[in-house]
Structures are given as structure tokens and as C-alpha cells.
Amino acid sequence: MNLAPLPSVAAALVPDDALVLDVREDDEWAAGHIEGALHVPMSDFVARFGAVSDAVGDSGRAYVMCRSGGRSAKVTQYLIGQGVDAVNIDGGMQAWAGAGRPMVADGDSAAQVI
């Protein structure tokens, strides 16, 4: 059985107005994230699926993000299985930062990817 390749996009090509779903854990999020992203840690994902589904329904597509792309690929696959239009961001936050895309952090620290 051949599975279709997972939809993915380069961090540099994510639209500025996209719904970014960040599935990293709380400490990773606090260190640096995309302003306006929806933060639902992978560890809470199934329990919070309704909120994710509602948010995606409003925007039409979720661009899924983690640190390097592994966790977000799993969540993207899950979302697609649930009938949600989802795309994995290749390389995650590391690629986002490498592309010079804007990030913010909680508190007064400079944003970084941990």
C-alpha cells in the first residue's frame, strides 16, 4: 500500500496570514514562537482537538510547526486523517529562524529556538 506524501512547505513560503499550529512544549514556546500562532503542545493535542478543529475551520488550512519537523509531521498526518487541511512546515522553527522569519518570546528575552 502506497501512502501519499505528506503535504509540506518550506518555512520561507508560509503565508504571513496563515494559521500556524505550534505543537512544541511550553518551554520551547516560551523561548521563541511565531506571533499569532496557535499553541497546542503535542502532549495535549488529542484532548484539545476540538479547539484546533474550530480554529482551522475558520482559516481553512493549518500549517503545523515543531522544532525540526518530526512532531509536526505526525500531527499533520493525524489532522489529515481527521479530514483537516494541514501542511507540515519543513524544518520547523529551526528553518523558520534560519529563513529570518519573525519570532517573539515570552518575557523580555530575545526569541530563540530551543
PDB file of N, CA and C in Angstrom:
ATOM      1  N   MET A   1       0.838  -1.184   0.000  1.00  0.00           N
ATOM      2  CA  MET A   1       0.000   0.000   0.000  1.00  0.00           C
ATOM      3  C   MET A   1       0.879   1.242   0.000  1.00  0.00           C
ATOM      4  N   ASN A   2       0.704   2.101  -0.969  1.00  0.00           N
ATOM      5  CA  ASN A   2       1.481   3.341  -1.051  1.00  0.00           C
ATOM      6  C   ASN A   2       0.698   4.469  -0.402  1.00  0.00           C
ATOM      7  N   LEU A   3       1.354   5.162   0.500  1.00  0.00           N
ATOM      8  CA  LEU A   3       0.733   6.328   1.120  1.00  0.00           C
ATOM      9  C   LEU A   3       1.141   7.571   0.348  1.00  0.00           C
ATOM     10  N   ALA A   4       0.225   8.502   0.237  1.00  0.00           N
ATOM     11  CA  ALA A   4       0.537   9.763  -0.426  1.00  0.00           C
ATOM     12  C   ALA A   4       1.575  10.509   0.404  1.00  0.00           C
ATOM     13  N   PRO A   5       2.471  11.231  -0.261  1.00  0.00           N
ATOM     14  CA  PRO A   5       3.446  12.001   0.515  1.00  0.00           C
ATOM     15  C   PRO A   5       2.743  13.048   1.379  1.00  0.00           C
ATOM     16  N   LEU A   6       3.336  13.311   2.511  1.00  0.00           N
ATOM     17  CA  LEU A   6       2.779  14.288   3.437  1.00  0.00           C
ATOM     18  C   LEU A   6       2.932  15.688   2.854  1.00  0.00           C
ATOM     19  N   PRO A   7       1.840  16.466   2.797  1.00  0.00           N
ATOM     20  CA  PRO A   7       1.969  17.835   2.286  1.00  0.00           C
ATOM     21  C   PRO A   7       2.906  18.638   3.186  1.00  0.00           C
ATOM     22  N   SER A   8       3.829  19.351   2.569  1.00  0.00           N
ATOM     23  CA  SER A   8       4.765  20.157   3.338  1.00  0.00           C
ATOM     24  C   SER A   8       5.107  21.424   2.570  1.00  0.00           C
ATOM     25  N   VAL A   9       5.657  22.390   3.310  1.00  0.00           N
ATOM     26  CA  VAL A   9       6.020  23.676   2.735  1.00  0.00           C
ATOM     27  C   VAL A   9       7.288  24.179   3.432  1.00  0.00           C
ATOM     28  N   ALA A  10       8.112  24.876   2.697  1.00  0.00           N
ATOM     29  CA  ALA A  10       9.298  25.498   3.287  1.00  0.00           C
ATOM     30  C   ALA A  10       8.871  26.637   4.204  1.00  0.00           C
ATOM     31  N   ALA A  11       9.596  26.820   5.287  1.00  0.00           N
ATOM     32  CA  ALA A  11       9.263  27.874   6.254  1.00  0.00           C
ATOM     33  C   ALA A  11       9.200  29.249   5.590  1.00  0.00           C
ATOM     34  N   ALA A  12      10.068  29.491   4.646  1.00  0.00           N
ATOM     35  CA  ALA A  12      10.101  30.795   3.976  1.00  0.00           C
ATOM     36  C   ALA A  12       8.853  31.054   3.145  1.00  0.00           C
ATOM     37  N   LEU A  13       8.103  29.999   2.817  1.00  0.00           N
ATOM     38  CA  LEU A  13       6.938  30.144   1.938  1.00  0.00           C
ATOM     39  C   LEU A  13       5.594  30.111   2.661  1.00  0.00           C
ATOM     40  N   VAL A  14       5.606  30.022   3.982  1.00  0.00           N
ATOM     41  CA  VAL A  14       4.360  30.049   4.743  1.00  0.00           C
ATOM     42  C   VAL A  14       3.764  31.456   4.635  1.00  0.00           C
ATOM     43  N   PRO A  15       2.509  31.566   4.209  1.00  0.00           N
ATOM     44  CA  PRO A  15       1.908  32.895   4.083  1.00  0.00           C
ATOM     45  C   PRO A  15       1.890  33.647   5.421  1.00  0.00           C
ATOM     46  N   ASP A  16       2.073  34.956   5.355  1.00  0.00           N
ATOM     47  CA  ASP A  16       2.105  35.776   6.575  1.00  0.00           C
ATOM     48  C   ASP A  16       0.813  35.680   7.380  1.00  0.00           C
ATOM     49  N   ASP A  17      -0.318  35.456   6.707  1.00  0.00           N
ATOM     50  CA  ASP A  17      -1.601  35.410   7.397  1.00  0.00           C
ATOM     51  C   ASP A  17      -2.066  33.987   7.695  1.00  0.00           C
ATOM     52  N   ALA A  18      -1.166  33.015   7.574  1.00  0.00           N
ATOM     53  CA  ALA A  18      -1.525  31.609   7.772  1.00  0.00           C
ATOM     54  C   ALA A  18      -1.799  31.305   9.239  1.00  0.00           C
ATOM     55  N   LEU A  19      -2.650  30.304   9.466  1.00  0.00           N
ATOM     56  CA  LEU A  19      -2.828  29.761  10.806  1.00  0.00           C
ATOM     57  C   LEU A  19      -1.683  28.779  11.043  1.00  0.00           C
ATOM     58  N   VAL A  20      -0.757  29.162  11.921  1.00  0.00           N
ATOM     59  CA  VAL A  20       0.345  28.275  12.278  1.00  0.00           C
ATOM     60  C   VAL A  20      -0.028  27.596  13.588  1.00  0.00           C
ATOM     61  N   LEU A  21       0.017  26.278  13.574  1.00  0.00           N
ATOM     62  CA  LEU A  21      -0.268  25.463  14.740  1.00  0.00           C
ATOM     63  C   LEU A  21       1.062  24.964  15.285  1.00  0.00           C
ATOM     64  N   ASP A  22       1.464  25.464  16.432  1.00  0.00           N
ATOM     65  CA  ASP A  22       2.748  25.118  17.054  1.00  0.00           C
ATOM     66  C   ASP A  22       2.512  24.007  18.064  1.00  0.00           C
ATOM     67  N   VAL A  23       3.107  22.836  17.831  1.00  0.00           N
ATOM     68  CA  VAL A  23       2.863  21.675  18.689  1.00  0.00           C
ATOM     69  C   VAL A  23       4.031  21.406  19.653  1.00  0.00           C
ATOM     70  N   ARG A  24       4.928  22.370  19.815  1.00  0.00           N
ATOM     71  CA  ARG A  24       6.043  22.215  20.751  1.00  0.00           C
ATOM     72  C   ARG A  24       5.552  22.348  22.189  1.00  0.00           C
ATOM     73  N   GLU A  25       6.395  21.942  23.108  1.00  0.00           N
ATOM     74  CA  GLU A  25       6.049  22.005  24.526  1.00  0.00           C
ATOM     75  C   GLU A  25       6.176  23.444  25.048  1.00  0.00           C
ATOM     76  N   ASP A  26       5.661  23.679  26.251  1.00  0.00           N
ATOM     77  CA  ASP A  26       5.572  25.031  26.811  1.00  0.00           C
ATOM     78  C   ASP A  26       6.914  25.752  26.890  1.00  0.00           C
ATOM     79  N   ASP A  27       7.988  25.055  27.295  1.00  0.00           N
ATOM     80  CA  ASP A  27       9.288  25.719  27.420  1.00  0.00           C
ATOM     81  C   ASP A  27       9.836  26.135  26.060  1.00  0.00           C
ATOM     82  N   GLU A  28       9.596  25.315  25.046  1.00  0.00           N
ATOM     83  CA  GLU A  28      10.037  25.662  23.690  1.00  0.00           C
ATOM     84  C   GLU A  28       9.276  26.884  23.179  1.00  0.00           C
ATOM     85  N   TRP A  29       7.977  26.897  23.418  1.00  0.00           N
ATOM     86  CA  TRP A  29       7.120  28.019  23.012  1.00  0.00           C
ATOM     87  C   TRP A  29       7.569  29.311  23.686  1.00  0.00           C
ATOM     88  N   ALA A  30       7.809  29.252  24.990  1.00  0.00           N
ATOM     89  CA  ALA A  30       8.185  30.448  25.744  1.00  0.00           C
ATOM     90  C   ALA A  30       9.488  31.052  25.222  1.00  0.00           C
ATOM     91  N   ALA A  31      10.417  30.219  24.788  1.00  0.00           N
ATOM     92  CA  ALA A  31      11.720  30.701  24.310  1.00  0.00           C
ATOM     93  C   ALA A  31      11.613  31.440  22.983  1.00  0.00           C
ATOM     94  N   GLY A  32      10.681  31.031  22.146  1.00  0.00           N
ATOM     95  CA  GLY A  32      10.518  31.702  20.864  1.00  0.00           C
ATOM     96  C   GLY A  32       9.425  31.053  20.044  1.00  0.00           C
ATOM     97  N   HIS A  33       8.535  31.881  19.513  1.00  0.00           N
ATOM     98  CA  HIS A  33       7.423  31.380  18.707  1.00  0.00           C
ATOM     99  C   HIS A  33       6.980  32.427  17.702  1.00  0.00           C
ATOM    100  N   ILE A  34       6.061  32.034  16.850  1.00  0.00           N
ATOM    101  CA  ILE A  34       5.506  32.934  15.843  1.00  0.00           C
ATOM    102  C   ILE A  34       4.341  33.677  16.468  1.00  0.00           C
ATOM    103  N   GLU A  35       4.398  34.984  16.406  1.00  0.00           N
ATOM    104  CA  GLU A  35       3.309  35.788  16.965  1.00  0.00           C
ATOM    105  C   GLU A  35       2.002  35.429  16.262  1.00  0.00           C
ATOM    106  N   GLY A  36       0.970  35.170  17.045  1.00  0.00           N
ATOM    107  CA  GLY A  36      -0.332  34.834  16.496  1.00  0.00           C
ATOM    108  C   GLY A  36      -0.538  33.351  16.243  1.00  0.00           C
ATOM    109  N   ALA A  37       0.498  32.537  16.458  1.00  0.00           N
ATOM    110  CA  ALA A  37       0.355  31.090  16.257  1.00  0.00           C
ATOM    111  C   ALA A  37      -0.551  30.503  17.338  1.00  0.00           C
ATOM    112  N   LEU A  38      -1.186  29.392  17.016  1.00  0.00           N
ATOM    113  CA  LEU A  38      -1.999  28.649  17.971  1.00  0.00           C
ATOM    114  C   LEU A  38      -1.093  27.614  18.615  1.00  0.00           C
ATOM    115  N   HIS A  39      -0.939  27.678  19.938  1.00  0.00           N
ATOM    116  CA  HIS A  39      -0.050  26.759  20.651  1.00  0.00           C
ATOM    117  C   HIS A  39      -0.860  25.642  21.284  1.00  0.00           C
ATOM    118  N   VAL A  40      -0.666  24.436  20.780  1.00  0.00           N
ATOM    119  CA  VAL A  40      -1.282  23.238  21.346  1.00  0.00           C
ATOM    120  C   VAL A  40      -0.185  22.178  21.393  1.00  0.00           C
ATOM    121  N   PRO A  41       0.450  21.990  22.560  1.00  0.00           N
ATOM    122  CA  PRO A  41       1.524  21.000  22.645  1.00  0.00           C
ATOM    123  C   PRO A  41       1.049  19.623  22.182  1.00  0.00           C
ATOM    124  N   MET A  42       1.956  18.904  21.532  1.00  0.00           N
ATOM    125  CA  MET A  42       1.619  17.574  21.035  1.00  0.00           C
ATOM    126  C   MET A  42       1.088  16.690  22.165  1.00  0.00           C
ATOM    127  N   SER A  43       1.615  16.871  23.367  1.00  0.00           N
ATOM    128  CA  SER A  43       1.181  16.055  24.504  1.00  0.00           C
ATOM    129  C   SER A  43      -0.281  16.315  24.895  1.00  0.00           C
ATOM    130  N   ASP A  44      -0.839  17.465  24.507  1.00  0.00           N
ATOM    131  CA  ASP A  44      -2.239  17.813  24.798  1.00  0.00           C
ATOM    132  C   ASP A  44      -3.131  17.737  23.567  1.00  0.00           C
ATOM    133  N   PHE A  45      -2.563  17.323  22.447  1.00  0.00           N
ATOM    134  CA  PHE A  45      -3.227  17.535  21.171  1.00  0.00           C
ATOM    135  C   PHE A  45      -4.577  16.843  21.051  1.00  0.00           C
ATOM    136  N   VAL A  46      -4.645  15.570  21.361  1.00  0.00           N
ATOM    137  CA  VAL A  46      -5.901  14.845  21.173  1.00  0.00           C
ATOM    138  C   VAL A  46      -6.991  15.442  22.062  1.00  0.00           C
ATOM    139  N   ALA A  47      -6.636  15.794  23.310  1.00  0.00           N
ATOM    140  CA  ALA A  47      -7.616  16.371  24.242  1.00  0.00           C
ATOM    141  C   ALA A  47      -8.121  17.733  23.756  1.00  0.00           C
ATOM    142  N   ARG A  48      -7.297  18.455  23.019  1.00  0.00           N
ATOM    143  CA  ARG A  48      -7.665  19.805  22.563  1.00  0.00           C
ATOM    144  C   ARG A  48      -8.009  19.853  21.074  1.00  0.00           C
ATOM    145  N   PHE A  49      -8.264  18.705  20.488  1.00  0.00           N
ATOM    146  CA  PHE A  49      -8.532  18.651  19.052  1.00  0.00           C
ATOM    147  C   PHE A  49      -9.706  19.537  18.645  1.00  0.00           C
ATOM    148  N   GLY A  50     -10.735  19.624  19.472  1.00  0.00           N
ATOM    149  CA  GLY A  50     -11.898  20.447  19.133  1.00  0.00           C
ATOM    150  C   GLY A  50     -11.529  21.904  18.906  1.00  0.00           C
ATOM    151  N   ALA A  51     -10.674  22.450  19.764  1.00  0.00           N
ATOM    152  CA  ALA A  51     -10.232  23.841  19.611  1.00  0.00           C
ATOM    153  C   ALA A  51      -9.411  24.004  18.340  1.00  0.00           C
ATOM    154  N   VAL A  52      -8.587  23.019  18.055  1.00  0.00           N
ATOM    155  CA  VAL A  52      -7.782  23.062  16.828  1.00  0.00           C
ATOM    156  C   VAL A  52      -8.694  23.012  15.613  1.00  0.00           C
ATOM    157  N   SER A  53      -9.640  22.092  15.622  1.00  0.00           N
ATOM    158  CA  SER A  53     -10.568  21.942  14.507  1.00  0.00           C
ATOM    159  C   SER A  53     -11.353  23.225  14.262  1.00  0.00           C
ATOM    160  N   ASP A  54     -11.809  23.864  15.342  1.00  0.00           N
ATOM    161  CA  ASP A  54     -12.537  25.134  15.211  1.00  0.00           C
ATOM    162  C   ASP A  54     -11.658  26.207  14.585  1.00  0.00           C
ATOM    163  N   ALA A  55     -10.420  26.327  15.043  1.00  0.00           N
ATOM    164  CA  ALA A  55      -9.509  27.353  14.526  1.00  0.00           C
ATOM    165  C   ALA A  55      -9.193  27.112  13.055  1.00  0.00           C
ATOM    166  N   VAL A  56      -8.966  25.866  12.701  1.00  0.00           N
ATOM    167  CA  VAL A  56      -8.661  25.539  11.307  1.00  0.00           C
ATOM    168  C   VAL A  56      -9.878  25.772  10.431  1.00  0.00           C
ATOM    169  N   GLY A  57     -11.056  25.477  10.955  1.00  0.00           N
ATOM    170  CA  GLY A  57     -12.272  25.703  10.190  1.00  0.00           C
ATOM    171  C   GLY A  57     -12.430  27.150   9.776  1.00  0.00           C
ATOM    172  N   ASP A  58     -11.988  28.055  10.630  1.00  0.00           N
ATOM    173  CA  ASP A  58     -12.077  29.481  10.319  1.00  0.00           C
ATOM    174  C   ASP A  58     -11.075  29.899   9.250  1.00  0.00           C
ATOM    175  N   SER A  59      -9.878  29.299   9.266  1.00  0.00           N
ATOM    176  CA  SER A  59      -8.829  29.725   8.343  1.00  0.00           C
ATOM    177  C   SER A  59      -8.731  28.844   7.108  1.00  0.00           C
ATOM    178  N   GLY A  60      -9.225  27.622   7.211  1.00  0.00           N
ATOM    179  CA  GLY A  60      -9.209  26.721   6.073  1.00  0.00           C
ATOM    180  C   GLY A  60      -8.038  25.767   6.036  1.00  0.00           C
ATOM    181  N   ARG A  61      -6.872  26.148   6.522  1.00  0.00           N
ATOM    182  CA  ARG A  61      -5.685  25.297   6.467  1.00  0.00           C
ATOM    183  C   ARG A  61      -4.812  25.567   7.686  1.00  0.00           C
ATOM    184  N   ALA A  62      -4.233  24.496   8.218  1.00  0.00           N
ATOM    185  CA  ALA A  62      -3.283  24.626   9.323  1.00  0.00           C
ATOM    186  C   ALA A  62      -1.881  24.332   8.813  1.00  0.00           C
ATOM    187  N   TYR A  63      -0.958  25.204   9.144  1.00  0.00           N
ATOM    188  CA  TYR A  63       0.463  24.988   8.885  1.00  0.00           C
ATOM    189  C   TYR A  63       1.059  24.546  10.213  1.00  0.00           C
ATOM    190  N   VAL A  64       1.523  23.293  10.285  1.00  0.00           N
ATOM    191  CA  VAL A  64       1.906  22.690  11.553  1.00  0.00           C
ATOM    192  C   VAL A  64       3.411  22.806  11.766  1.00  0.00           C
ATOM    193  N   MET A  65       3.784  23.237  12.987  1.00  0.00           N
ATOM    194  CA  MET A  65       5.156  23.592  13.319  1.00  0.00           C
ATOM    195  C   MET A  65       5.614  22.888  14.586  1.00  0.00           C
ATOM    196  N   CYS A  66       6.868  22.432  14.592  1.00  0.00           N
ATOM    197  CA  CYS A  66       7.542  21.994  15.817  1.00  0.00           C
ATOM    198  C   CYS A  66       8.983  22.507  15.731  1.00  0.00           C
ATOM    199  N   ARG A  67       9.904  21.888  16.437  1.00  0.00           N
ATOM    200  CA  ARG A  67      11.284  22.377  16.423  1.00  0.00           C
ATOM    201  C   ARG A  67      11.970  22.082  15.087  1.00  0.00           C
ATOM    202  N   SER A  68      11.848  20.825  14.625  1.00  0.00           N
ATOM    203  CA  SER A  68      12.585  20.455  13.416  1.00  0.00           C
ATOM    204  C   SER A  68      11.739  19.771  12.340  1.00  0.00           C
ATOM    205  N   GLY A  69      10.493  19.459  12.635  1.00  0.00           N
ATOM    206  CA  GLY A  69       9.597  18.899  11.633  1.00  0.00           C
ATOM    207  C   GLY A  69       9.097  17.493  11.906  1.00  0.00           C
ATOM    208  N   GLY A  70       9.645  16.803  12.903  1.00  0.00           N
ATOM    209  CA  GLY A  70       9.229  15.429  13.190  1.00  0.00           C
ATOM    210  C   GLY A  70       7.885  15.329  13.874  1.00  0.00           C
ATOM    211  N   ARG A  71       7.729  16.051  14.983  1.00  0.00           N
ATOM    212  CA  ARG A  71       6.445  16.014  15.706  1.00  0.00           C
ATOM    213  C   ARG A  71       5.340  16.612  14.850  1.00  0.00           C
ATOM    214  N   SER A  72       5.657  17.692  14.169  1.00  0.00           N
ATOM    215  CA  SER A  72       4.630  18.335  13.341  1.00  0.00           C
ATOM    216  C   SER A  72       4.204  17.429  12.193  1.00  0.00           C
ATOM    217  N   ALA A  73       5.100  16.600  11.677  1.00  0.00           N
ATOM    218  CA  ALA A  73       4.718  15.651  10.623  1.00  0.00           C
ATOM    219  C   ALA A  73       3.692  14.660  11.158  1.00  0.00           C
ATOM    220  N   LYS A  74       3.884  14.175  12.389  1.00  0.00           N
ATOM    221  CA  LYS A  74       2.926  13.241  12.986  1.00  0.00           C
ATOM    222  C   LYS A  74       1.568  13.904  13.188  1.00  0.00           C
ATOM    223  N   VAL A  75       1.581  15.150  13.685  1.00  0.00           N
ATOM    224  CA  VAL A  75       0.323  15.862  13.903  1.00  0.00           C
ATOM    225  C   VAL A  75      -0.354  16.176  12.563  1.00  0.00           C
ATOM    226  N   THR A  76       0.430  16.554  11.566  1.00  0.00           N
ATOM    227  CA  THR A  76      -0.131  16.815  10.238  1.00  0.00           C
ATOM    228  C   THR A  76      -0.822  15.567   9.707  1.00  0.00           C
ATOM    229  N   GLN A  77      -0.159  14.427   9.843  1.00  0.00           N
ATOM    230  CA  GLN A  77      -0.739  13.163   9.386  1.00  0.00           C
ATOM    231  C   GLN A  77      -2.048  12.869  10.129  1.00  0.00           C
ATOM    232  N   TYR A  78      -2.066  13.095  11.438  1.00  0.00           N
ATOM    233  CA  TYR A  78      -3.276  12.895  12.236  1.00  0.00           C
ATOM    234  C   TYR A  78      -4.399  13.815  11.751  1.00  0.00           C
ATOM    235  N   LEU A  79      -4.074  15.102  11.565  1.00  0.00           N
ATOM    236  CA  LEU A  79      -5.087  16.061  11.121  1.00  0.00           C
ATOM    237  C   LEU A  79      -5.673  15.660   9.773  1.00  0.00           C
ATOM    238  N   ILE A  80      -4.835  15.274   8.845  1.00  0.00           N
ATOM    239  CA  ILE A  80      -5.314  14.856   7.525  1.00  0.00           C
ATOM    240  C   ILE A  80      -6.243  13.657   7.669  1.00  0.00           C
ATOM    241  N   GLY A  81      -5.888  12.732   8.566  1.00  0.00           N
ATOM    242  CA  GLY A  81      -6.737  11.571   8.821  1.00  0.00           C
ATOM    243  C   GLY A  81      -8.099  11.943   9.380  1.00  0.00           C
ATOM    244  N   GLN A  82      -8.179  13.120  10.020  1.00  0.00           N
ATOM    245  CA  GLN A  82      -9.437  13.619  10.568  1.00  0.00           C
ATOM    246  C   GLN A  82     -10.172  14.526   9.578  1.00  0.00           C
ATOM    247  N   GLY A  83      -9.644  14.642   8.365  1.00  0.00           N
ATOM    248  CA  GLY A  83     -10.293  15.445   7.335  1.00  0.00           C
ATOM    249  C   GLY A  83      -9.940  16.923   7.372  1.00  0.00           C
ATOM    250  N   VAL A  84      -8.871  17.275   8.092  1.00  0.00           N
ATOM    251  CA  VAL A  84      -8.446  18.672   8.206  1.00  0.00           C
ATOM    252  C   VAL A  84      -7.378  18.954   7.153  1.00  0.00           C
ATOM    253  N   ASP A  85      -7.453  20.099   6.500  1.00  0.00           N
ATOM    254  CA  ASP A  85      -6.431  20.527   5.548  1.00  0.00           C
ATOM    255  C   ASP A  85      -5.217  20.999   6.345  1.00  0.00           C
ATOM    256  N   ALA A  86      -4.154  20.212   6.342  1.00  0.00           N
ATOM    257  CA  ALA A  86      -2.970  20.512   7.137  1.00  0.00           C
ATOM    258  C   ALA A  86      -1.716  20.309   6.306  1.00  0.00           C
ATOM    259  N   VAL A  87      -0.709  21.147   6.599  1.00  0.00           N
ATOM    260  CA  VAL A  87       0.567  21.114   5.889  1.00  0.00           C
ATOM    261  C   VAL A  87       1.679  21.183   6.929  1.00  0.00           C
ATOM    262  N   ASN A  88       2.676  20.321   6.794  1.00  0.00           N
ATOM    263  CA  ASN A  88       3.826  20.334   7.690  1.00  0.00           C
ATOM    264  C   ASN A  88       4.823  21.395   7.232  1.00  0.00           C
ATOM    265  N   ILE A  89       5.368  22.150   8.175  1.00  0.00           N
ATOM    266  CA  ILE A  89       6.402  23.137   7.849  1.00  0.00           C
ATOM    267  C   ILE A  89       7.758  22.438   7.918  1.00  0.00           C
ATOM    268  N   ASP A  90       8.393  22.262   6.757  1.00  0.00           N
ATOM    269  CA  ASP A  90       9.687  21.584   6.676  1.00  0.00           C
ATOM    270  C   ASP A  90      10.729  22.270   7.550  1.00  0.00           C
ATOM    271  N   GLY A  91      11.386  21.500   8.397  1.00  0.00           N
ATOM    272  CA  GLY A  91      12.470  22.035   9.217  1.00  0.00           C
ATOM    273  C   GLY A  91      12.016  22.783  10.445  1.00  0.00           C
ATOM    274  N   GLY A  92      10.706  22.965  10.633  1.00  0.00           N
ATOM    275  CA  GLY A  92      10.161  23.573  11.837  1.00  0.00           C
ATOM    276  C   GLY A  92      10.710  24.953  12.175  1.00  0.00           C
ATOM    277  N   MET A  93      10.746  25.212  13.478  1.00  0.00           N
ATOM    278  CA  MET A  93      11.203  26.532  13.961  1.00  0.00           C
ATOM    279  C   MET A  93      12.667  26.785  13.614  1.00  0.00           C
ATOM    280  N   GLN A  94      13.467  25.726  13.509  1.00  0.00           N
ATOM    281  CA  GLN A  94      14.864  25.920  13.119  1.00  0.00           C
ATOM    282  C   GLN A  94      14.929  26.513  11.716  1.00  0.00           C
ATOM    283  N   ALA A  95      14.124  25.998  10.798  1.00  0.00           N
ATOM    284  CA  ALA A  95      14.088  26.534   9.438  1.00  0.00           C
ATOM    285  C   ALA A  95      13.465  27.925   9.417  1.00  0.00           C
ATOM    286  N   TRP A  96      12.453  28.137  10.257  1.00  0.00           N
ATOM    287  CA  TRP A  96      11.798  29.448  10.340  1.00  0.00           C
ATOM    288  C   TRP A  96      12.820  30.516  10.741  1.00  0.00           C
ATOM    289  N   ALA A  97      13.555  30.235  11.815  1.00  0.00           N
ATOM    290  CA  ALA A  97      14.581  31.179  12.280  1.00  0.00           C
ATOM    291  C   ALA A  97      15.669  31.345  11.225  1.00  0.00           C
ATOM    292  N   GLY A  98      16.058  30.237  10.600  1.00  0.00           N
ATOM    293  CA  GLY A  98      17.091  30.295   9.570  1.00  0.00           C
ATOM    294  C   GLY A  98      16.685  31.118   8.365  1.00  0.00           C
ATOM    295  N   ALA A  99      15.385  31.173   8.095  1.00  0.00           N
ATOM    296  CA  ALA A  99      14.869  31.969   6.973  1.00  0.00           C
ATOM    297  C   ALA A  99      14.682  33.431   7.354  1.00  0.00           C
ATOM    298  N   GLY A 100      14.983  33.764   8.621  1.00  0.00           N
ATOM    299  CA  GLY A 100      14.842  35.155   9.072  1.00  0.00           C
ATOM    300  C   GLY A 100      13.406  35.584   9.297  1.00  0.00           C
ATOM    301  N   ARG A 101      12.502  34.618   9.475  1.00  0.00           N
ATOM    302  CA  ARG A 101      11.100  34.958   9.724  1.00  0.00           C
ATOM    303  C   ARG A 101      10.957  35.477  11.153  1.00  0.00           C
ATOM    304  N   PRO A 102       9.991  36.355  11.416  1.00  0.00           N
ATOM    305  CA  PRO A 102       9.876  36.976  12.743  1.00  0.00           C
ATOM    306  C   PRO A 102       9.428  35.992  13.825  1.00  0.00           C
ATOM    307  N   MET A 103       9.995  36.191  15.020  1.00  0.00           N
ATOM    308  CA  MET A 103       9.648  35.394  16.198  1.00  0.00           C
ATOM    309  C   MET A 103       9.567  36.326  17.397  1.00  0.00           C
ATOM    310  N   VAL A 104       8.819  35.909  18.386  1.00  0.00           N
ATOM    311  CA  VAL A 104       8.717  36.616  19.661  1.00  0.00           C
ATOM    312  C   VAL A 104       8.945  35.608  20.776  1.00  0.00           C
ATOM    313  N   ALA A 105       9.246  36.112  21.968  1.00  0.00           N
ATOM    314  CA  ALA A 105       9.429  35.244  23.134  1.00  0.00           C
ATOM    315  C   ALA A 105       8.579  35.773  24.275  1.00  0.00           C
ATOM    316  N   ASP A 106       8.284  34.904  25.224  1.00  0.00           N
ATOM    317  CA  ASP A 106       7.610  35.341  26.438  1.00  0.00           C
ATOM    318  C   ASP A 106       8.620  36.102  27.288  1.00  0.00           C
ATOM    319  N   GLY A 107       8.186  37.158  27.956  1.00  0.00           N
ATOM    320  CA  GLY A 107       9.092  37.929  28.806  1.00  0.00           C
ATOM    321  C   GLY A 107       9.956  38.877  27.998  1.00  0.00           C
ATOM    322  N   ASP A 108      11.100  39.243  28.567  1.00  0.00           N
ATOM    323  CA  ASP A 108      11.984  40.234  27.943  1.00  0.00           C
ATOM    324  C   ASP A 108      13.127  39.623  27.155  1.00  0.00           C
ATOM    325  N   SER A 109      13.202  38.307  27.094  1.00  0.00           N
ATOM    326  CA  SER A 109      14.315  37.642  26.405  1.00  0.00           C
ATOM    327  C   SER A 109      14.174  37.755  24.891  1.00  0.00           C
ATOM    328  N   ALA A 110      15.322  37.668  24.223  1.00  0.00           N
ATOM    329  CA  ALA A 110      15.304  37.601  22.762  1.00  0.00           C
ATOM    330  C   ALA A 110      14.776  36.233  22.349  1.00  0.00           C
ATOM    331  N   ALA A 111      14.002  36.186  21.273  1.00  0.00           N
ATOM    332  CA  ALA A 111      13.438  34.924  20.799  1.00  0.00           C
ATOM    333  C   ALA A 111      14.537  34.000  20.312  1.00  0.00           C
ATOM    334  N   GLN A 112      14.415  32.733  20.666  1.00  0.00           N
ATOM    335  CA  GLN A 112      15.360  31.724  20.205  1.00  0.00           C
ATOM    336  C   GLN A 112      14.636  30.383  20.081  1.00  0.00           C
ATOM    337  N   VAL A 113      15.252  29.473  19.351  1.00  0.00           N
ATOM    338  CA  VAL A 113      14.701  28.136  19.187  1.00  0.00           C
ATOM    339  C   VAL A 113      15.482  27.206  20.114  1.00  0.00           C
ATOM    340  N   ILE A 114      14.748  26.536  21.015  1.00  0.00           N
ATOM    341  CA  ILE A 114      15.416  25.577  21.903  1.00  0.00           C
ATOM    342  C   ILE A 114      14.892  24.184  21.647  1.00  0.00           C
TER     343      ILE A 114
END
